[in-house]
Amino acid sequence: MNGAHDMGGMHGLGPIAPEADAPVFHHSWEARVHAMSIASPTRSNIDAGRHQRELIPGPEYLRISYYEKWLTGLSALLLKHGLVTPDELARGQADAGSARATPLLAAAAVPGVLSRAGSYERETTAGPGFKPGDRVRALNINPTGHTRLPRYVRGRTGVVERCHGVHVFPDSNAHGQGEAAQPLYLVRFEARELWGPDASAIDTIRLDLWESYLAPA
């Protein structure tokens, strides 16, 4: 979807200033938000979580910090799925008579879960529609739902460098419409193709793009 979260290529937001020796968490509450997000039953669909954060109104999204976005999205998902009531969320405490569920992630299981890499790659008998060296054009779409196709690359032409195999399609998975797995490609775009003649003649950008985002150029 189009929104304030899709900031790639936009002017006026200031330079990126990496923090030297930045800690993993700047405040203890950030670690708690991270832990709650991983342990939440809503974690089973990471694409839905991303889309929920995209639904934060633009002015609020730009005002709050990274983990405040996580907490806002998680709170909305917990309410949406009936896992908490508005009153429980406001008080930060479960109602005395509420049902108790088995935790999705027990404390003893945390090290194993965090050290085990997950994968969204899937098996399929269908071959990829593009191969390395093919020129492709990113479609100029404006979906109302979740997408991983940035606005600044839509309608632009690039070259396929690699096929990563078949992966879950986030545009479908985010909305509970199935994984709809399809080939995922590494596509190289010239900076001047994206931002015009004032961009560097030697700079390029590479994006991982799903097959349905692309058409032959």
N, C-alpha and C. Protein backbone atom coordinates (compact mmCIF):
# COMPACT_ATOMS: atom_id res chain seq x y z
N MET A 1 0.85 -1.18 0.00
CA MET A 1 0.00 0.00 0.00
C MET A 1 0.88 1.24 0.00
N ASN A 2 0.34 2.37 -0.37
CA ASN A 2 1.07 3.62 -0.35
C ASN A 2 0.86 4.30 1.00
N GLY A 3 1.96 4.73 1.62
CA GLY A 3 1.83 5.39 2.91
C GLY A 3 3.14 5.97 3.37
N ALA A 4 3.11 6.56 4.55
CA ALA A 4 4.30 7.24 5.09
C ALA A 4 5.44 6.27 5.37
N HIS A 5 5.12 4.98 5.54
CA HIS A 5 6.15 3.99 5.83
C HIS A 5 7.05 3.73 4.63
N ASP A 6 6.56 3.98 3.40
CA ASP A 6 7.31 3.69 2.18
C ASP A 6 8.15 4.92 1.84
N MET A 7 9.30 5.06 2.51
CA MET A 7 10.08 6.29 2.43
C MET A 7 11.27 6.21 1.49
N GLY A 8 11.51 5.06 0.86
CA GLY A 8 12.66 4.93 -0.02
C GLY A 8 12.62 5.93 -1.16
N GLY A 9 13.73 6.61 -1.38
CA GLY A 9 13.81 7.55 -2.50
C GLY A 9 13.17 8.89 -2.27
N MET A 10 12.56 9.11 -1.10
CA MET A 10 11.87 10.38 -0.84
C MET A 10 12.85 11.44 -0.36
N HIS A 11 12.61 12.69 -0.78
CA HIS A 11 13.44 13.82 -0.34
C HIS A 11 12.85 14.47 0.91
N GLY A 12 13.69 15.21 1.61
CA GLY A 12 13.22 16.04 2.72
C GLY A 12 13.20 15.36 4.07
N LEU A 13 13.65 14.10 4.15
CA LEU A 13 13.63 13.40 5.44
C LEU A 13 14.98 13.43 6.15
N GLY A 14 15.95 14.11 5.53
CA GLY A 14 17.25 14.24 6.17
C GLY A 14 18.15 13.05 5.87
N PRO A 15 19.44 13.19 6.15
CA PRO A 15 20.39 12.10 5.87
C PRO A 15 20.24 10.95 6.86
N ILE A 16 20.69 9.78 6.45
CA ILE A 16 20.75 8.64 7.36
C ILE A 16 22.02 8.79 8.18
N ALA A 17 21.89 8.76 9.49
CA ALA A 17 23.03 8.97 10.37
C ALA A 17 23.18 7.75 11.30
N PRO A 18 23.91 6.73 10.86
CA PRO A 18 24.10 5.54 11.70
C PRO A 18 24.75 5.89 13.03
N GLU A 19 24.27 5.26 14.07
CA GLU A 19 24.79 5.52 15.42
C GLU A 19 25.97 4.59 15.69
N ALA A 20 27.11 5.16 16.02
CA ALA A 20 28.30 4.36 16.30
C ALA A 20 28.11 3.54 17.58
N ASP A 21 28.46 2.25 17.51
CA ASP A 21 28.37 1.36 18.68
C ASP A 21 26.98 1.39 19.30
N ALA A 22 25.97 1.40 18.48
CA ALA A 22 24.60 1.46 18.99
C ALA A 22 24.25 0.19 19.76
N PRO A 23 23.60 0.32 20.90
CA PRO A 23 23.17 -0.87 21.64
C PRO A 23 22.01 -1.54 20.93
N VAL A 24 21.76 -2.80 21.25
CA VAL A 24 20.63 -3.51 20.64
C VAL A 24 19.33 -2.81 21.02
N PHE A 25 19.21 -2.43 22.28
CA PHE A 25 18.03 -1.70 22.75
C PHE A 25 18.51 -0.46 23.50
N HIS A 26 17.86 0.66 23.24
CA HIS A 26 18.23 1.90 23.92
C HIS A 26 17.55 2.01 25.29
N HIS A 27 16.42 1.31 25.46
CA HIS A 27 15.68 1.35 26.72
C HIS A 27 15.18 -0.05 27.04
N SER A 28 15.00 -0.35 28.30
CA SER A 28 14.58 -1.69 28.70
C SER A 28 13.20 -2.04 28.15
N TRP A 29 12.32 -1.04 28.00
CA TRP A 29 10.97 -1.33 27.50
C TRP A 29 11.01 -1.81 26.04
N GLU A 30 12.04 -1.40 25.28
CA GLU A 30 12.16 -1.86 23.91
C GLU A 30 12.39 -3.37 23.86
N ALA A 31 13.21 -3.86 24.77
CA ALA A 31 13.46 -5.31 24.84
C ALA A 31 12.17 -6.05 25.18
N ARG A 32 11.36 -5.48 26.04
CA ARG A 32 10.10 -6.12 26.41
C ARG A 32 9.13 -6.16 25.22
N VAL A 33 9.09 -5.08 24.46
CA VAL A 33 8.22 -5.04 23.28
C VAL A 33 8.69 -6.09 22.27
N HIS A 34 9.99 -6.19 22.07
CA HIS A 34 10.53 -7.19 21.16
C HIS A 34 10.14 -8.59 21.61
N ALA A 35 10.29 -8.86 22.90
CA ALA A 35 9.95 -10.18 23.44
C ALA A 35 8.46 -10.48 23.30
N MET A 36 7.62 -9.50 23.60
CA MET A 36 6.18 -9.71 23.49
C MET A 36 5.77 -10.00 22.04
N SER A 37 6.40 -9.29 21.11
CA SER A 37 6.06 -9.48 19.70
C SER A 37 6.42 -10.89 19.23
N ILE A 38 7.56 -11.39 19.67
CA ILE A 38 7.99 -12.73 19.26
C ILE A 38 7.13 -13.81 19.92
N ALA A 39 6.72 -13.58 21.16
CA ALA A 39 5.95 -14.58 21.90
C ALA A 39 4.45 -14.52 21.59
N SER A 40 3.99 -13.47 20.93
CA SER A 40 2.56 -13.31 20.67
C SER A 40 2.05 -14.34 19.67
N PRO A 41 0.82 -14.83 19.85
CA PRO A 41 0.22 -15.74 18.85
C PRO A 41 0.13 -15.10 17.47
N THR A 42 0.13 -13.77 17.40
CA THR A 42 0.04 -13.09 16.10
C THR A 42 1.35 -13.19 15.32
N ARG A 43 2.41 -13.66 15.95
CA ARG A 43 3.71 -13.75 15.29
C ARG A 43 3.71 -14.79 14.17
N SER A 44 2.71 -15.65 14.12
CA SER A 44 2.67 -16.70 13.11
C SER A 44 2.56 -16.14 11.69
N ASN A 45 2.21 -14.86 11.55
CA ASN A 45 2.12 -14.24 10.23
C ASN A 45 2.85 -12.90 10.26
N ILE A 46 4.13 -12.93 9.90
CA ILE A 46 4.95 -11.72 9.98
C ILE A 46 4.49 -10.67 8.98
N ASP A 47 3.92 -11.10 7.85
CA ASP A 47 3.44 -10.13 6.86
C ASP A 47 2.24 -9.35 7.39
N ALA A 48 1.37 -10.02 8.14
CA ALA A 48 0.23 -9.32 8.74
C ALA A 48 0.71 -8.30 9.76
N GLY A 49 1.78 -8.63 10.48
CA GLY A 49 2.35 -7.69 11.44
C GLY A 49 2.91 -6.46 10.76
N ARG A 50 3.59 -6.66 9.65
CA ARG A 50 4.12 -5.53 8.91
C ARG A 50 2.99 -4.63 8.40
N HIS A 51 1.95 -5.27 7.86
CA HIS A 51 0.85 -4.47 7.32
C HIS A 51 0.15 -3.69 8.43
N GLN A 52 0.05 -4.28 9.61
CA GLN A 52 -0.60 -3.57 10.71
C GLN A 52 0.16 -2.30 11.06
N ARG A 53 1.48 -2.35 11.00
CA ARG A 53 2.27 -1.15 11.26
C ARG A 53 2.11 -0.12 10.14
N GLU A 54 1.87 -0.61 8.92
CA GLU A 54 1.62 0.32 7.81
C GLU A 54 0.31 1.09 7.99
N LEU A 55 -0.60 0.54 8.78
CA LEU A 55 -1.89 1.18 8.98
C LEU A 55 -1.85 2.32 10.01
N ILE A 56 -0.71 2.50 10.67
CA ILE A 56 -0.58 3.61 11.60
C ILE A 56 -0.67 4.92 10.80
N PRO A 57 -1.53 5.87 11.19
CA PRO A 57 -1.65 7.14 10.44
C PRO A 57 -0.30 7.81 10.23
N GLY A 58 -0.13 8.42 9.04
CA GLY A 58 1.15 8.98 8.66
C GLY A 58 1.81 9.89 9.69
N PRO A 59 1.12 10.92 10.21
CA PRO A 59 1.75 11.80 11.19
C PRO A 59 2.24 11.05 12.44
N GLU A 60 1.44 10.08 12.88
CA GLU A 60 1.83 9.30 14.05
C GLU A 60 3.01 8.40 13.72
N TYR A 61 3.01 7.78 12.54
CA TYR A 61 4.09 6.89 12.13
C TYR A 61 5.43 7.64 12.10
N LEU A 62 5.42 8.86 11.60
CA LEU A 62 6.65 9.64 11.52
C LEU A 62 7.09 10.18 12.87
N ARG A 63 6.17 10.30 13.82
CA ARG A 63 6.49 10.87 15.12
C ARG A 63 7.10 9.85 16.08
N ILE A 64 6.57 8.60 16.06
CA ILE A 64 6.96 7.63 17.08
C ILE A 64 8.22 6.87 16.67
N SER A 65 8.84 6.24 17.67
CA SER A 65 10.09 5.53 17.43
C SER A 65 9.84 4.12 16.88
N TYR A 66 10.91 3.44 16.54
CA TYR A 66 10.83 2.12 15.91
C TYR A 66 10.03 1.14 16.77
N TYR A 67 10.39 1.00 18.03
CA TYR A 67 9.69 0.02 18.86
C TYR A 67 8.33 0.51 19.32
N GLU A 68 8.09 1.80 19.27
CA GLU A 68 6.73 2.28 19.48
C GLU A 68 5.83 1.83 18.33
N LYS A 69 6.38 1.80 17.11
CA LYS A 69 5.62 1.26 15.98
C LYS A 69 5.29 -0.21 16.21
N TRP A 70 6.26 -0.97 16.69
CA TRP A 70 6.04 -2.39 16.99
C TRP A 70 4.92 -2.55 18.02
N LEU A 71 4.97 -1.76 19.09
CA LEU A 71 3.98 -1.87 20.16
C LEU A 71 2.60 -1.46 19.66
N THR A 72 2.52 -0.41 18.87
CA THR A 72 1.24 0.03 18.33
C THR A 72 0.62 -1.05 17.45
N GLY A 73 1.44 -1.64 16.57
CA GLY A 73 0.94 -2.69 15.69
C GLY A 73 0.53 -3.94 16.46
N LEU A 74 1.34 -4.34 17.44
CA LEU A 74 1.02 -5.52 18.24
C LEU A 74 -0.27 -5.31 19.01
N SER A 75 -0.45 -4.15 19.61
CA SER A 75 -1.67 -3.87 20.37
C SER A 75 -2.90 -3.99 19.48
N ALA A 76 -2.80 -3.45 18.27
CA ALA A 76 -3.94 -3.51 17.34
C ALA A 76 -4.25 -4.95 16.94
N LEU A 77 -3.22 -5.76 16.71
CA LEU A 77 -3.43 -7.16 16.33
C LEU A 77 -4.04 -7.96 17.48
N LEU A 78 -3.60 -7.71 18.70
CA LEU A 78 -4.16 -8.42 19.86
C LEU A 78 -5.64 -8.11 20.01
N LEU A 79 -6.01 -6.86 19.78
CA LEU A 79 -7.43 -6.49 19.83
C LEU A 79 -8.21 -7.11 18.68
N LYS A 80 -7.63 -7.05 17.49
CA LYS A 80 -8.30 -7.56 16.30
C LYS A 80 -8.63 -9.05 16.42
N HIS A 81 -7.72 -9.80 17.03
CA HIS A 81 -7.91 -11.25 17.15
C HIS A 81 -8.59 -11.66 18.45
N GLY A 82 -9.05 -10.69 19.23
CA GLY A 82 -9.77 -11.00 20.45
C GLY A 82 -8.92 -11.61 21.54
N LEU A 83 -7.62 -11.36 21.50
CA LEU A 83 -6.71 -11.92 22.50
C LEU A 83 -6.68 -11.09 23.77
N VAL A 84 -7.06 -9.84 23.68
CA VAL A 84 -7.21 -8.96 24.84
C VAL A 84 -8.44 -8.09 24.61
N THR A 85 -8.95 -7.51 25.67
CA THR A 85 -10.04 -6.54 25.56
C THR A 85 -9.44 -5.13 25.62
N PRO A 86 -10.17 -4.12 25.14
CA PRO A 86 -9.66 -2.75 25.25
C PRO A 86 -9.35 -2.37 26.69
N ASP A 87 -10.17 -2.85 27.63
CA ASP A 87 -9.94 -2.52 29.03
C ASP A 87 -8.67 -3.17 29.56
N GLU A 88 -8.44 -4.44 29.18
CA GLU A 88 -7.22 -5.13 29.62
C GLU A 88 -5.99 -4.42 29.06
N LEU A 89 -6.08 -4.01 27.82
CA LEU A 89 -4.95 -3.34 27.20
C LEU A 89 -4.66 -2.00 27.87
N ALA A 90 -5.72 -1.27 28.21
CA ALA A 90 -5.54 0.03 28.86
C ALA A 90 -4.94 -0.12 30.26
N ARG A 91 -5.36 -1.19 30.98
CA ARG A 91 -4.86 -1.39 32.34
C ARG A 91 -3.54 -2.14 32.38
N GLY A 92 -3.20 -2.84 31.29
CA GLY A 92 -1.98 -3.63 31.30
C GLY A 92 -2.09 -4.85 32.18
N GLN A 93 -3.31 -5.33 32.37
CA GLN A 93 -3.54 -6.46 33.28
C GLN A 93 -4.75 -7.24 32.80
N ALA A 94 -4.63 -8.58 32.83
CA ALA A 94 -5.74 -9.43 32.39
C ALA A 94 -6.88 -9.38 33.40
N ASP A 95 -8.12 -9.50 32.89
CA ASP A 95 -9.27 -9.59 33.77
C ASP A 95 -9.16 -10.85 34.62
N ALA A 96 -9.66 -10.76 35.82
CA ALA A 96 -9.54 -11.88 36.76
C ALA A 96 -10.21 -13.15 36.22
N GLY A 97 -11.30 -13.01 35.51
CA GLY A 97 -12.01 -14.19 35.03
C GLY A 97 -11.69 -14.59 33.61
N SER A 98 -10.68 -13.99 33.00
CA SER A 98 -10.37 -14.29 31.60
C SER A 98 -9.73 -15.67 31.47
N ALA A 99 -9.94 -16.29 30.32
CA ALA A 99 -9.38 -17.62 30.07
C ALA A 99 -7.86 -17.55 29.99
N ARG A 100 -7.21 -18.60 30.45
CA ARG A 100 -5.76 -18.68 30.42
C ARG A 100 -5.34 -19.66 29.33
N ALA A 101 -4.53 -19.21 28.40
CA ALA A 101 -4.07 -20.07 27.32
C ALA A 101 -2.64 -20.51 27.59
N THR A 102 -2.24 -21.61 26.96
CA THR A 102 -0.86 -22.06 27.07
C THR A 102 0.04 -21.10 26.31
N PRO A 103 1.11 -20.60 26.93
CA PRO A 103 1.99 -19.64 26.25
C PRO A 103 2.53 -20.21 24.94
N LEU A 104 2.58 -19.39 23.92
CA LEU A 104 3.12 -19.82 22.64
C LEU A 104 4.61 -20.10 22.75
N LEU A 105 5.29 -19.35 23.59
CA LEU A 105 6.74 -19.48 23.73
C LEU A 105 7.11 -19.42 25.20
N ALA A 106 7.48 -20.56 25.76
CA ALA A 106 7.90 -20.62 27.17
C ALA A 106 9.32 -20.08 27.30
N ALA A 107 9.66 -19.57 28.48
CA ALA A 107 10.97 -18.96 28.70
C ALA A 107 12.12 -19.91 28.36
N ALA A 108 11.96 -21.19 28.71
CA ALA A 108 13.04 -22.16 28.48
C ALA A 108 13.28 -22.40 26.99
N ALA A 109 12.29 -22.12 26.16
CA ALA A 109 12.41 -22.40 24.72
C ALA A 109 12.98 -21.22 23.94
N VAL A 110 13.12 -20.07 24.58
CA VAL A 110 13.54 -18.86 23.87
C VAL A 110 14.90 -19.01 23.18
N PRO A 111 15.96 -19.48 23.87
CA PRO A 111 17.26 -19.57 23.19
C PRO A 111 17.22 -20.42 21.92
N GLY A 112 16.53 -21.57 21.99
CA GLY A 112 16.45 -22.44 20.82
C GLY A 112 15.70 -21.82 19.67
N VAL A 113 14.59 -21.14 19.99
CA VAL A 113 13.78 -20.51 18.95
C VAL A 113 14.54 -19.39 18.26
N LEU A 114 15.23 -18.55 19.04
CA LEU A 114 15.93 -17.41 18.46
C LEU A 114 17.19 -17.81 17.69
N SER A 115 17.75 -18.97 17.99
CA SER A 115 18.96 -19.42 17.29
C SER A 115 18.65 -20.28 16.08
N ARG A 116 17.37 -20.60 15.87
CA ARG A 116 16.98 -21.44 14.74
C ARG A 116 16.42 -20.57 13.62
N ALA A 117 17.08 -20.61 12.48
CA ALA A 117 16.65 -19.77 11.35
C ALA A 117 15.38 -20.32 10.73
N GLY A 118 14.42 -19.44 10.50
CA GLY A 118 13.20 -19.82 9.81
C GLY A 118 13.36 -19.61 8.31
N SER A 119 12.41 -20.05 7.54
CA SER A 119 12.49 -19.89 6.10
C SER A 119 11.10 -19.70 5.51
N TYR A 120 11.01 -18.79 4.54
CA TYR A 120 9.77 -18.59 3.80
C TYR A 120 9.89 -19.17 2.39
N GLU A 121 10.95 -19.95 2.17
CA GLU A 121 11.13 -20.59 0.87
C GLU A 121 10.24 -21.83 0.80
N ARG A 122 9.67 -22.07 -0.37
CA ARG A 122 8.75 -23.18 -0.56
C ARG A 122 9.15 -23.99 -1.79
N GLU A 123 8.73 -25.25 -1.80
CA GLU A 123 9.00 -26.12 -2.94
C GLU A 123 7.90 -25.97 -3.99
N THR A 124 8.27 -26.07 -5.26
CA THR A 124 7.30 -26.01 -6.34
C THR A 124 7.85 -26.71 -7.57
N THR A 125 6.97 -27.18 -8.42
CA THR A 125 7.40 -27.81 -9.66
C THR A 125 7.46 -26.81 -10.80
N ALA A 126 6.89 -25.64 -10.61
CA ALA A 126 6.89 -24.61 -11.66
C ALA A 126 8.23 -23.90 -11.71
N GLY A 127 8.74 -23.67 -12.91
CA GLY A 127 10.00 -22.96 -13.06
C GLY A 127 9.82 -21.46 -13.05
N PRO A 128 10.92 -20.72 -12.83
CA PRO A 128 10.83 -19.25 -12.82
C PRO A 128 10.55 -18.71 -14.21
N GLY A 129 9.85 -17.58 -14.26
CA GLY A 129 9.52 -16.96 -15.54
C GLY A 129 10.64 -16.11 -16.11
N PHE A 130 11.63 -15.76 -15.26
CA PHE A 130 12.76 -14.94 -15.70
C PHE A 130 14.06 -15.63 -15.33
N LYS A 131 15.13 -15.25 -16.01
CA LYS A 131 16.45 -15.81 -15.74
C LYS A 131 17.46 -14.67 -15.62
N PRO A 132 18.63 -14.92 -15.01
CA PRO A 132 19.64 -13.86 -14.92
C PRO A 132 19.97 -13.28 -16.29
N GLY A 133 20.05 -11.96 -16.33
CA GLY A 133 20.31 -11.25 -17.57
C GLY A 133 19.07 -10.69 -18.24
N ASP A 134 17.88 -11.18 -17.86
CA ASP A 134 16.63 -10.67 -18.44
C ASP A 134 16.37 -9.23 -17.98
N ARG A 135 15.95 -8.41 -18.93
CA ARG A 135 15.51 -7.05 -18.58
C ARG A 135 14.03 -7.11 -18.20
N VAL A 136 13.70 -6.49 -17.08
CA VAL A 136 12.33 -6.53 -16.58
C VAL A 136 11.90 -5.12 -16.17
N ARG A 137 10.60 -4.92 -16.15
CA ARG A 137 10.03 -3.65 -15.70
C ARG A 137 9.15 -3.91 -14.49
N ALA A 138 9.38 -3.16 -13.42
CA ALA A 138 8.52 -3.27 -12.24
C ALA A 138 7.17 -2.63 -12.55
N LEU A 139 6.10 -3.33 -12.26
CA LEU A 139 4.77 -2.83 -12.57
C LEU A 139 4.45 -1.57 -11.76
N ASN A 140 3.69 -0.68 -12.35
CA ASN A 140 3.26 0.54 -11.67
C ASN A 140 1.91 0.27 -11.01
N ILE A 141 1.95 -0.35 -9.85
CA ILE A 141 0.74 -0.71 -9.12
C ILE A 141 0.55 0.20 -7.92
N ASN A 142 -0.68 0.33 -7.47
CA ASN A 142 -1.00 1.12 -6.28
C ASN A 142 -1.99 0.34 -5.42
N PRO A 143 -1.53 -0.76 -4.81
CA PRO A 143 -2.45 -1.62 -4.05
C PRO A 143 -2.91 -0.96 -2.76
N THR A 144 -4.11 -1.31 -2.35
CA THR A 144 -4.64 -0.80 -1.08
C THR A 144 -4.18 -1.66 0.08
N GLY A 145 -3.66 -2.86 -0.21
CA GLY A 145 -3.17 -3.75 0.84
C GLY A 145 -1.65 -3.77 0.89
N HIS A 146 -1.12 -4.76 1.59
CA HIS A 146 0.33 -4.86 1.80
C HIS A 146 1.05 -5.21 0.51
N THR A 147 2.22 -4.61 0.29
CA THR A 147 3.09 -4.99 -0.81
C THR A 147 4.53 -4.70 -0.42
N ARG A 148 5.45 -5.46 -1.02
CA ARG A 148 6.88 -5.23 -0.79
C ARG A 148 7.52 -4.57 -2.01
N LEU A 149 6.71 -4.01 -2.89
CA LEU A 149 7.23 -3.30 -4.07
C LEU A 149 7.28 -1.81 -3.76
N PRO A 150 8.47 -1.23 -3.56
CA PRO A 150 8.57 0.19 -3.20
C PRO A 150 8.05 1.10 -4.31
N ARG A 151 7.52 2.23 -3.92
CA ARG A 151 6.98 3.17 -4.91
C ARG A 151 8.04 3.67 -5.87
N TYR A 152 9.27 3.91 -5.37
CA TYR A 152 10.27 4.56 -6.22
C TYR A 152 10.74 3.67 -7.37
N VAL A 153 10.44 2.39 -7.34
CA VAL A 153 10.90 1.49 -8.41
C VAL A 153 9.78 1.13 -9.38
N ARG A 154 8.55 1.50 -9.07
CA ARG A 154 7.43 1.13 -9.92
C ARG A 154 7.52 1.81 -11.29
N GLY A 155 7.34 1.01 -12.33
CA GLY A 155 7.44 1.52 -13.69
C GLY A 155 8.86 1.61 -14.21
N ARG A 156 9.85 1.24 -13.40
CA ARG A 156 11.25 1.36 -13.80
C ARG A 156 11.79 0.02 -14.31
N THR A 157 12.85 0.10 -15.12
CA THR A 157 13.42 -1.07 -15.77
C THR A 157 14.74 -1.46 -15.11
N GLY A 158 14.92 -2.76 -14.92
CA GLY A 158 16.15 -3.27 -14.34
C GLY A 158 16.53 -4.61 -14.96
N VAL A 159 17.54 -5.25 -14.39
CA VAL A 159 18.06 -6.51 -14.92
C VAL A 159 18.06 -7.57 -13.81
N VAL A 160 17.54 -8.74 -14.11
CA VAL A 160 17.54 -9.84 -13.15
C VAL A 160 18.97 -10.35 -12.98
N GLU A 161 19.41 -10.45 -11.72
CA GLU A 161 20.74 -10.98 -11.44
C GLU A 161 20.70 -12.40 -10.88
N ARG A 162 19.60 -12.73 -10.21
CA ARG A 162 19.56 -14.03 -9.54
C ARG A 162 18.12 -14.39 -9.22
N CYS A 163 17.82 -15.68 -9.21
CA CYS A 163 16.54 -16.15 -8.68
C CYS A 163 16.80 -16.82 -7.35
N HIS A 164 16.09 -16.37 -6.32
CA HIS A 164 16.28 -16.90 -4.97
C HIS A 164 15.46 -18.16 -4.71
N GLY A 165 14.75 -18.65 -5.70
CA GLY A 165 13.83 -19.75 -5.46
C GLY A 165 12.42 -19.23 -5.28
N VAL A 166 11.56 -20.07 -4.74
CA VAL A 166 10.14 -19.72 -4.57
C VAL A 166 9.87 -19.38 -3.11
N HIS A 167 9.24 -18.25 -2.87
CA HIS A 167 9.00 -17.76 -1.51
C HIS A 167 7.54 -17.34 -1.33
N VAL A 168 7.11 -17.36 -0.06
CA VAL A 168 5.76 -16.90 0.29
C VAL A 168 5.56 -15.48 -0.24
N PHE A 169 4.40 -15.24 -0.85
CA PHE A 169 4.09 -13.93 -1.42
C PHE A 169 3.43 -13.07 -0.34
N PRO A 170 4.10 -12.04 0.16
CA PRO A 170 3.58 -11.26 1.29
C PRO A 170 2.28 -10.53 1.00
N ASP A 171 2.07 -10.11 -0.25
CA ASP A 171 0.86 -9.37 -0.59
C ASP A 171 -0.40 -10.20 -0.33
N SER A 172 -0.28 -11.50 -0.46
CA SER A 172 -1.39 -12.41 -0.20
C SER A 172 -1.41 -12.85 1.26
N ASN A 173 -0.23 -13.24 1.76
CA ASN A 173 -0.15 -13.79 3.12
C ASN A 173 -0.55 -12.79 4.18
N ALA A 174 -0.28 -11.52 3.96
CA ALA A 174 -0.59 -10.49 4.96
C ALA A 174 -2.07 -10.39 5.27
N HIS A 175 -2.91 -10.82 4.32
CA HIS A 175 -4.35 -10.67 4.46
C HIS A 175 -5.06 -12.00 4.63
N GLY A 176 -4.29 -13.05 5.00
CA GLY A 176 -4.89 -14.35 5.25
C GLY A 176 -5.45 -15.02 4.01
N GLN A 177 -4.89 -14.69 2.85
CA GLN A 177 -5.38 -15.23 1.58
C GLN A 177 -4.50 -16.35 1.05
N GLY A 178 -3.68 -16.92 1.91
CA GLY A 178 -2.81 -18.01 1.50
C GLY A 178 -1.41 -17.55 1.16
N GLU A 179 -0.48 -18.49 1.12
CA GLU A 179 0.92 -18.14 0.88
C GLU A 179 1.19 -17.76 -0.57
N ALA A 180 0.46 -18.35 -1.52
CA ALA A 180 0.60 -18.01 -2.94
C ALA A 180 2.06 -17.87 -3.36
N ALA A 181 2.90 -18.83 -2.95
CA ALA A 181 4.34 -18.75 -3.18
C ALA A 181 4.68 -18.60 -4.65
N GLN A 182 5.70 -17.80 -4.94
CA GLN A 182 6.13 -17.53 -6.32
C GLN A 182 7.61 -17.19 -6.34
N PRO A 183 8.25 -17.24 -7.52
CA PRO A 183 9.68 -16.94 -7.61
C PRO A 183 10.01 -15.53 -7.12
N LEU A 184 11.18 -15.44 -6.47
CA LEU A 184 11.69 -14.18 -5.94
C LEU A 184 13.03 -13.90 -6.60
N TYR A 185 13.20 -12.68 -7.12
CA TYR A 185 14.39 -12.35 -7.89
C TYR A 185 15.17 -11.20 -7.27
N LEU A 186 16.50 -11.24 -7.47
CA LEU A 186 17.34 -10.08 -7.20
C LEU A 186 17.44 -9.29 -8.48
N VAL A 187 16.96 -8.02 -8.45
CA VAL A 187 16.91 -7.18 -9.65
C VAL A 187 17.77 -5.94 -9.43
N ARG A 188 18.63 -5.65 -10.40
CA ARG A 188 19.52 -4.48 -10.33
C ARG A 188 18.94 -3.32 -11.13
N PHE A 189 18.89 -2.15 -10.51
CA PHE A 189 18.43 -0.93 -11.18
C PHE A 189 19.54 0.11 -11.16
N GLU A 190 19.71 0.81 -12.27
CA GLU A 190 20.67 1.92 -12.32
C GLU A 190 20.06 3.12 -11.59
N ALA A 191 20.92 3.85 -10.87
CA ALA A 191 20.45 5.01 -10.11
C ALA A 191 19.76 6.03 -11.02
N ARG A 192 20.29 6.22 -12.22
CA ARG A 192 19.70 7.21 -13.12
C ARG A 192 18.35 6.75 -13.67
N GLU A 193 18.13 5.44 -13.72
CA GLU A 193 16.83 4.93 -14.13
C GLU A 193 15.78 5.27 -13.08
N LEU A 194 16.19 5.30 -11.82
CA LEU A 194 15.26 5.57 -10.73
C LEU A 194 15.08 7.06 -10.46
N TRP A 195 16.17 7.83 -10.53
CA TRP A 195 16.12 9.21 -10.06
C TRP A 195 16.56 10.25 -11.08
N GLY A 196 16.78 9.83 -12.33
CA GLY A 196 17.05 10.78 -13.39
C GLY A 196 18.52 11.09 -13.59
N PRO A 197 18.83 12.00 -14.52
CA PRO A 197 20.21 12.27 -14.93
C PRO A 197 21.08 12.90 -13.85
N ASP A 198 20.50 13.47 -12.82
CA ASP A 198 21.31 14.07 -11.76
C ASP A 198 21.87 13.03 -10.80
N ALA A 199 21.39 11.79 -10.89
CA ALA A 199 21.90 10.72 -10.03
C ALA A 199 23.27 10.26 -10.53
N SER A 200 23.99 9.55 -9.69
CA SER A 200 25.32 9.07 -10.05
C SER A 200 25.24 8.08 -11.22
N ALA A 201 26.20 8.20 -12.13
CA ALA A 201 26.24 7.31 -13.30
C ALA A 201 26.76 5.92 -12.95
N ILE A 202 27.38 5.77 -11.78
CA ILE A 202 27.97 4.48 -11.42
C ILE A 202 27.21 3.76 -10.30
N ASP A 203 26.23 4.42 -9.71
CA ASP A 203 25.51 3.81 -8.60
C ASP A 203 24.39 2.91 -9.09
N THR A 204 24.15 1.83 -8.35
CA THR A 204 23.04 0.92 -8.64
C THR A 204 22.36 0.55 -7.33
N ILE A 205 21.16 0.03 -7.44
CA ILE A 205 20.45 -0.47 -6.26
C ILE A 205 19.88 -1.83 -6.62
N ARG A 206 19.90 -2.75 -5.69
CA ARG A 206 19.39 -4.10 -5.91
C ARG A 206 18.24 -4.38 -4.96
N LEU A 207 17.17 -4.92 -5.52
CA LEU A 207 15.97 -5.21 -4.75
C LEU A 207 15.55 -6.66 -4.97
N ASP A 208 15.02 -7.29 -3.93
CA ASP A 208 14.40 -8.60 -4.05
C ASP A 208 12.93 -8.39 -4.39
N LEU A 209 12.51 -8.86 -5.56
CA LEU A 209 11.16 -8.61 -6.05
C LEU A 209 10.50 -9.90 -6.49
N TRP A 210 9.23 -10.06 -6.12
CA TRP A 210 8.47 -11.25 -6.51
C TRP A 210 8.06 -11.18 -7.99
N GLU A 211 7.83 -12.36 -8.57
CA GLU A 211 7.59 -12.44 -10.02
C GLU A 211 6.38 -11.63 -10.47
N SER A 212 5.32 -11.62 -9.68
CA SER A 212 4.12 -10.90 -10.11
C SER A 212 4.28 -9.40 -10.07
N TYR A 213 5.40 -8.90 -9.54
CA TYR A 213 5.71 -7.46 -9.60
C TYR A 213 6.33 -7.09 -10.95
N LEU A 214 6.74 -8.07 -11.74
CA LEU A 214 7.60 -7.82 -12.89
C LEU A 214 6.94 -8.20 -14.21
N ALA A 215 7.38 -7.51 -15.28
CA ALA A 215 6.98 -7.83 -16.65
C ALA A 215 8.23 -7.75 -17.52
N PRO A 216 8.26 -8.48 -18.62
CA PRO A 216 9.40 -8.35 -19.53
C PRO A 216 9.55 -6.91 -20.02
N ALA A 217 10.78 -6.44 -20.14
CA ALA A 217 11.02 -5.06 -20.60
C ALA A 217 11.35 -5.06 -22.09
